[in-house]
Amino acid sequence: MRTRFLSKMTNGEVEQYLDRNDIIFIPVGVTETHGALPLDAETVLAEAIALKMAEASDGLVLHNLPYFFAGGTIIGRGTIQMSIKDGMAYLDKIAKSLLNQGFRRQVYVTSHGPAHMTLSGMVRDFFDETKVPILYMDMLKAAEAANCNLMETFHDMNIGAYKVLGRLEDVPLNVPESHSVTYDIHHMFAGMGKNPGNALGKYAYQSAAVGSYFNEPSDHMVTPLLKTAEEREVHADAGIQAMNELIEALDMPTIVETLRQADVYTKEVILPRYGSHLPR
């Protein structure tokens, strides 16, 4: 295919695709302070992973969704905050539009910790209303399911994602330490320890336990110090290799086929048996 990004295709190309398949991946991002990396780092990572998923399973990608719930990083003035409720409502409209257009298998992809608060509720409410199962893949959880340690390669994957999308030069070099950037992980943990609310976070999944903000923007993420373009390439290539290994371990053809089977089971077994009193 010339491209798998829906917005880069012509309408004719999309309709030709829909004549033979119905899979679309929707990377949902965030724009937030992210150490020495650009503000859209976790958006770009989700988009690159979604593209590789689409390539592995003959799907399309609906990207350009960078403004959703950021969380405690709103203390950084580059962070854009969207409420969880508003993000859910927006994605619900997109999901219904995609369904009407013929994309019955939809897979939502995130690489941002608190994203589950927006995505999980939307996916579940969408199913109750439409009776069509769509899938949410939180890369932090998906990597665990595939026995991949995402945290060991997360920064390399972030950098590699920019290379996958042809944007590697957007990753800056020689960024000095500041209020927003630290290369000292002990400094980061010390800053996080200053907020008493962080001690309560262990009682639920990520930011869903209690509201809190970071002490400083630099507390959010310790990123590698990139001094030269050659070092940036090395990190990017290592990140791309880690992404490829993750996609292979996930086995995307099986995942999208299982999603199809879940849809068939809902239509042929559940709805005939219980449809009269299920939510409408």
Protein backbone atom coordinates (compact mmCIF):
# COMPACT_ATOMS: atom_id res chain seq x y z
CA MET A 1 0.00 0.00 0.00
CA ARG A 2 1.15 3.56 -0.68
CA THR A 3 0.41 4.48 2.96
CA ARG A 4 -1.52 3.04 5.87
CA PHE A 5 -2.36 6.42 7.43
CA LEU A 6 -6.00 7.07 6.65
CA SER A 7 -5.62 10.85 6.44
CA LYS A 8 -2.84 10.47 3.83
CA MET A 9 -4.97 8.24 1.61
CA THR A 10 -7.47 9.28 -1.01
CA ASN A 11 -11.09 8.43 -0.41
CA GLY A 12 -10.88 5.92 -3.24
CA GLU A 13 -7.98 4.14 -1.57
CA VAL A 14 -9.91 3.90 1.70
CA GLU A 15 -12.97 2.49 -0.03
CA GLN A 16 -10.86 -0.06 -1.91
CA TYR A 17 -9.39 -1.14 1.42
CA LEU A 18 -12.82 -1.43 3.05
CA ASP A 19 -13.97 -3.69 0.23
CA ARG A 20 -11.58 -6.34 1.57
CA ASN A 21 -10.91 -5.54 5.24
CA ASP A 22 -12.22 -3.57 8.24
CA ILE A 23 -9.28 -3.02 10.64
CA ILE A 24 -8.14 0.37 11.90
CA PHE A 25 -5.67 1.27 14.63
CA ILE A 26 -6.21 4.53 16.54
CA PRO A 27 -3.15 5.76 18.47
CA VAL A 28 -4.33 8.13 21.20
CA GLY A 29 -1.65 10.47 22.47
CA VAL A 30 -0.80 13.24 24.85
CA THR A 31 1.12 16.51 24.69
CA GLU A 32 3.09 16.90 27.90
CA THR A 33 6.45 17.73 29.41
CA HIS A 34 8.76 14.82 28.71
CA GLY A 35 12.28 15.59 29.84
CA ALA A 36 14.63 16.32 26.94
CA LEU A 37 12.24 14.85 24.37
CA PRO A 38 9.56 16.82 22.49
CA LEU A 39 6.16 17.27 24.09
CA ASP A 40 4.54 14.78 21.70
CA ALA A 41 6.92 11.89 22.56
CA GLU A 42 4.22 9.54 23.83
CA THR A 43 1.93 10.44 20.93
CA VAL A 44 4.68 9.63 18.44
CA LEU A 45 5.41 6.33 20.18
CA ALA A 46 1.76 5.30 20.03
CA GLU A 47 1.60 6.26 16.34
CA ALA A 48 4.74 4.31 15.43
CA ILE A 49 3.55 1.22 17.29
CA ALA A 50 0.10 1.50 15.69
CA LEU A 51 1.74 1.72 12.25
CA LYS A 52 3.75 -1.44 12.89
CA MET A 53 0.62 -3.18 14.17
CA ALA A 54 -1.22 -2.16 11.01
CA GLU A 55 1.60 -3.42 8.81
CA ALA A 56 1.55 -6.76 10.66
CA SER A 57 -2.21 -7.25 10.30
CA ASP A 58 -3.19 -5.39 7.12
CA GLY A 59 -4.88 -2.49 8.92
CA LEU A 60 -5.06 1.28 8.54
CA VAL A 61 -4.09 3.96 11.08
CA LEU A 62 -6.11 6.99 12.18
CA HIS A 63 -3.54 9.29 13.78
CA ASN A 64 -3.28 12.99 14.76
CA LEU A 65 -4.93 12.53 18.17
CA PRO A 66 -2.41 14.24 20.50
CA TYR A 67 -4.53 16.15 23.04
CA PHE A 68 -5.95 14.02 25.85
CA PHE A 69 -5.72 13.70 29.63
CA ALA A 70 -2.14 14.37 30.69
CA GLY A 71 -2.47 14.16 34.48
CA GLY A 72 0.12 15.42 36.96
CA THR A 73 2.36 16.88 34.25
CA ILE A 74 0.04 19.88 33.79
CA ILE A 75 2.48 21.80 36.04
CA GLY A 76 4.62 22.12 32.90
CA ARG A 77 3.29 25.00 30.83
CA GLY A 78 3.89 23.10 27.61
CA THR A 79 1.47 20.38 28.71
CA ILE A 80 -2.03 20.42 27.20
CA GLN A 81 -4.73 19.10 29.54
CA MET A 82 -7.98 17.51 28.40
CA SER A 83 -10.50 16.24 30.93
CA ILE A 84 -11.14 12.51 31.03
CA LYS A 85 -14.85 13.01 30.32
CA ASP A 86 -14.22 15.27 27.32
CA GLY A 87 -11.64 12.85 25.93
CA MET A 88 -14.06 9.94 26.25
CA ALA A 89 -16.83 11.86 24.50
CA TYR A 90 -14.55 12.86 21.63
CA LEU A 91 -13.26 9.33 21.08
CA ASP A 92 -16.79 7.95 21.27
CA LYS A 93 -17.79 10.19 18.35
CA ILE A 94 -14.75 9.04 16.37
CA ALA A 95 -15.44 5.37 17.11
CA LYS A 96 -19.04 5.67 15.96
CA SER A 97 -18.02 7.47 12.79
CA LEU A 98 -15.48 4.76 12.02
CA LEU A 99 -18.07 2.05 12.62
CA ASN A 100 -20.53 3.76 10.27
CA GLN A 101 -17.80 3.99 7.63
CA GLY A 102 -17.18 0.24 7.82
CA PHE A 103 -14.33 -0.12 10.33
CA ARG A 104 -15.84 -2.80 12.53
CA ARG A 105 -12.53 -3.85 14.07
CA GLN A 106 -11.06 -0.87 15.90
CA VAL A 107 -7.92 -1.07 18.07
CA TYR A 108 -7.04 1.91 20.29
CA VAL A 109 -3.35 2.16 21.22
CA THR A 110 -1.68 4.27 23.94
CA SER A 111 1.77 4.57 25.51
CA HIS A 112 0.77 7.08 28.22
CA GLY A 113 0.24 5.75 31.74
CA PRO A 114 -3.02 7.51 32.72
CA ALA A 115 -4.61 6.96 29.28
CA HIS A 116 -6.53 3.94 30.56
CA MET A 117 -8.89 6.24 32.47
CA THR A 118 -10.08 7.70 29.17
CA LEU A 119 -9.91 4.65 26.93
CA SER A 120 -11.26 1.85 29.10
CA GLY A 121 -14.51 3.64 29.88
CA MET A 122 -15.03 4.68 26.27
CA VAL A 123 -14.46 1.17 24.92
CA ARG A 124 -16.87 -0.38 27.42
CA ASP A 125 -19.64 2.22 26.94
CA PHE A 126 -19.26 1.92 23.15
CA PHE A 127 -19.80 -1.84 23.38
CA ASP A 128 -22.90 -1.53 25.56
CA GLU A 129 -24.41 0.96 23.13
CA THR A 130 -23.45 -0.62 19.80
CA LYS A 131 -22.86 -4.28 20.78
CA VAL A 132 -19.63 -4.13 18.74
CA PRO A 133 -16.47 -5.11 20.67
CA ILE A 134 -13.55 -2.77 20.01
CA LEU A 135 -10.14 -3.24 21.61
CA TYR A 136 -7.96 -1.04 23.80
CA MET A 137 -4.25 -1.93 23.99
CA ASP A 138 -2.31 -0.12 26.70
CA MET A 139 1.29 -0.74 25.64
CA LEU A 140 2.45 -0.96 29.24
CA LYS A 141 0.02 -3.83 29.87
CA ALA A 142 0.34 -5.36 26.40
CA ALA A 143 4.10 -5.65 26.82
CA GLU A 144 3.57 -7.52 30.09
CA ALA A 145 1.19 -9.90 28.31
CA ALA A 146 3.85 -10.51 25.65
CA ASN A 147 6.58 -11.03 28.29
CA CYS A 148 8.46 -7.94 27.09
CA ASN A 149 10.00 -5.50 29.57
CA LEU A 150 8.88 -2.22 28.07
CA MET A 151 10.42 -0.07 30.80
CA GLU A 152 13.94 -1.23 29.92
CA THR A 153 13.55 -0.02 26.32
CA PHE A 154 10.97 2.75 26.72
CA HIS A 155 13.28 5.69 26.03
CA ASP A 156 14.93 4.01 23.06
CA MET A 157 11.48 3.20 21.67
CA ASN A 158 10.46 6.82 22.14
CA ILE A 159 13.44 7.95 20.08
CA GLY A 160 13.02 5.14 17.56
CA ALA A 161 9.40 6.14 17.03
CA TYR A 162 10.52 9.49 15.65
CA LYS A 163 12.73 7.66 13.14
CA VAL A 164 9.88 5.33 12.13
CA LEU A 165 7.78 8.40 11.31
CA GLY A 166 10.61 10.23 9.54
CA ARG A 167 10.98 12.81 12.29
CA LEU A 168 14.23 11.85 14.04
CA GLU A 169 15.66 15.37 13.70
CA ASP A 170 12.82 16.61 15.93
CA VAL A 171 14.63 14.96 18.86
CA PRO A 172 17.03 17.66 20.13
CA LEU A 173 20.66 17.21 21.10
CA ASN A 174 22.60 18.58 24.08
CA VAL A 175 19.59 19.78 26.05
CA PRO A 176 20.88 21.31 29.32
CA GLU A 177 19.52 20.30 32.71
CA SER A 178 16.85 22.70 33.92
CA HIS A 179 13.53 22.99 35.73
CA SER A 180 12.14 20.71 32.99
CA VAL A 181 15.04 18.34 32.34
CA THR A 182 17.11 16.10 34.60
CA TYR A 183 19.44 13.23 33.72
CA ASP A 184 19.65 12.07 37.34
CA ILE A 185 17.09 9.41 38.18
CA HIS A 186 17.75 9.89 41.93
CA HIS A 187 16.75 13.55 41.60
CA MET A 188 13.56 12.50 39.86
CA PHE A 189 12.55 10.04 42.58
CA ALA A 190 13.42 12.57 45.27
CA GLY A 191 11.07 15.08 43.68
CA MET A 192 8.28 12.55 43.36
CA GLY A 193 8.67 11.64 47.03
CA LYS A 194 7.83 15.18 48.12
CA ASN A 195 4.14 14.81 47.26
CA PRO A 196 2.31 12.79 49.97
CA GLY A 197 -0.36 11.81 47.43
CA ASN A 198 2.13 9.63 45.57
CA ALA A 199 2.13 7.20 48.50
CA LEU A 200 -1.55 6.51 47.81
CA GLY A 201 -1.07 5.65 44.14
CA LYS A 202 -0.41 1.98 44.88
CA TYR A 203 -4.06 1.34 45.74
CA ALA A 204 -5.31 1.50 42.15
CA TYR A 205 -3.92 1.46 38.60
CA GLN A 206 -1.60 4.43 37.95
CA SER A 207 -3.23 7.88 38.31
CA ALA A 208 -6.68 6.44 39.04
CA ALA A 209 -6.10 6.16 42.80
CA VAL A 210 -5.80 9.79 43.85
CA GLY A 211 -5.37 13.18 42.22
CA SER A 212 -1.84 14.58 42.40
CA TYR A 213 0.64 16.73 40.51
CA PHE A 214 4.38 16.36 39.98
CA ASN A 215 6.67 18.46 42.14
CA GLU A 216 8.63 19.74 39.11
CA PRO A 217 8.30 19.11 35.36
CA SER A 218 11.65 17.32 35.45
CA ASP A 219 10.17 14.69 37.80
CA HIS A 220 8.09 13.18 35.01
CA MET A 221 10.76 11.53 32.92
CA VAL A 222 14.51 11.01 32.98
CA THR A 223 15.55 10.80 29.33
CA PRO A 224 18.96 9.92 27.81
CA LEU A 225 21.47 12.70 27.30
CA LEU A 226 21.94 12.76 23.53
CA LYS A 227 25.17 14.56 22.62
CA THR A 228 25.57 13.68 18.94
CA ALA A 229 23.43 12.71 15.97
CA GLU A 230 25.26 9.38 15.95
CA GLU A 231 24.21 8.65 19.55
CA ARG A 232 20.63 9.55 18.62
CA GLU A 233 20.75 7.06 15.73
CA VAL A 234 22.05 4.31 18.02
CA HIS A 235 19.18 4.84 20.49
CA ALA A 236 16.65 5.05 17.65
CA ASP A 237 17.81 1.83 16.04
CA ALA A 238 17.74 0.02 19.39
CA GLY A 239 14.22 1.33 19.95
CA ILE A 240 13.02 0.18 16.54
CA GLN A 241 14.42 -3.28 17.20
CA ALA A 242 12.57 -3.37 20.54
CA MET A 243 9.34 -2.28 18.83
CA ASN A 244 9.71 -4.99 16.19
CA GLU A 245 10.28 -7.62 18.86
CA LEU A 246 7.21 -6.42 20.77
CA ILE A 247 4.98 -6.51 17.68
CA GLU A 248 6.19 -10.00 16.82
CA ALA A 249 5.58 -11.21 20.38
CA LEU A 250 2.07 -9.76 20.42
CA ASP A 251 1.11 -11.65 17.21
CA MET A 252 -1.21 -9.03 15.73
CA PRO A 253 -2.88 -11.33 13.15
CA THR A 254 -4.12 -13.50 16.01
CA ILE A 255 -5.28 -10.47 18.01
CA VAL A 256 -7.37 -8.99 15.18
CA GLU A 257 -8.80 -12.42 14.33
CA THR A 258 -9.76 -12.93 17.98
CA LEU A 259 -11.47 -9.52 17.90
CA ARG A 260 -13.46 -10.70 14.87
CA GLN A 261 -14.44 -13.88 16.69
CA ALA A 262 -15.56 -11.86 19.73
CA ASP A 263 -17.82 -9.85 17.44
CA VAL A 264 -19.31 -12.98 15.86
CA TYR A 265 -19.86 -14.55 19.29
CA THR A 266 -21.66 -11.43 20.51
CA LYS A 267 -23.96 -11.38 17.47
CA GLU A 268 -24.66 -15.11 17.22
CA VAL A 269 -24.68 -16.24 20.84
CA ILE A 270 -25.10 -13.39 23.31
CA LEU A 271 -27.60 -11.15 21.52
CA PRO A 272 -30.07 -13.92 20.63
CA ARG A 273 -29.94 -15.17 24.21
CA TYR A 274 -29.97 -11.92 26.18
CA GLY A 275 -30.60 -9.12 23.71
CA SER A 276 -34.07 -8.32 25.03
CA HIS A 277 -32.75 -6.93 28.29
CA LEU A 278 -29.22 -5.76 27.46
CA PRO A 279 -28.44 -2.01 27.51
CA ARG A 280 -29.73 -0.16 24.45
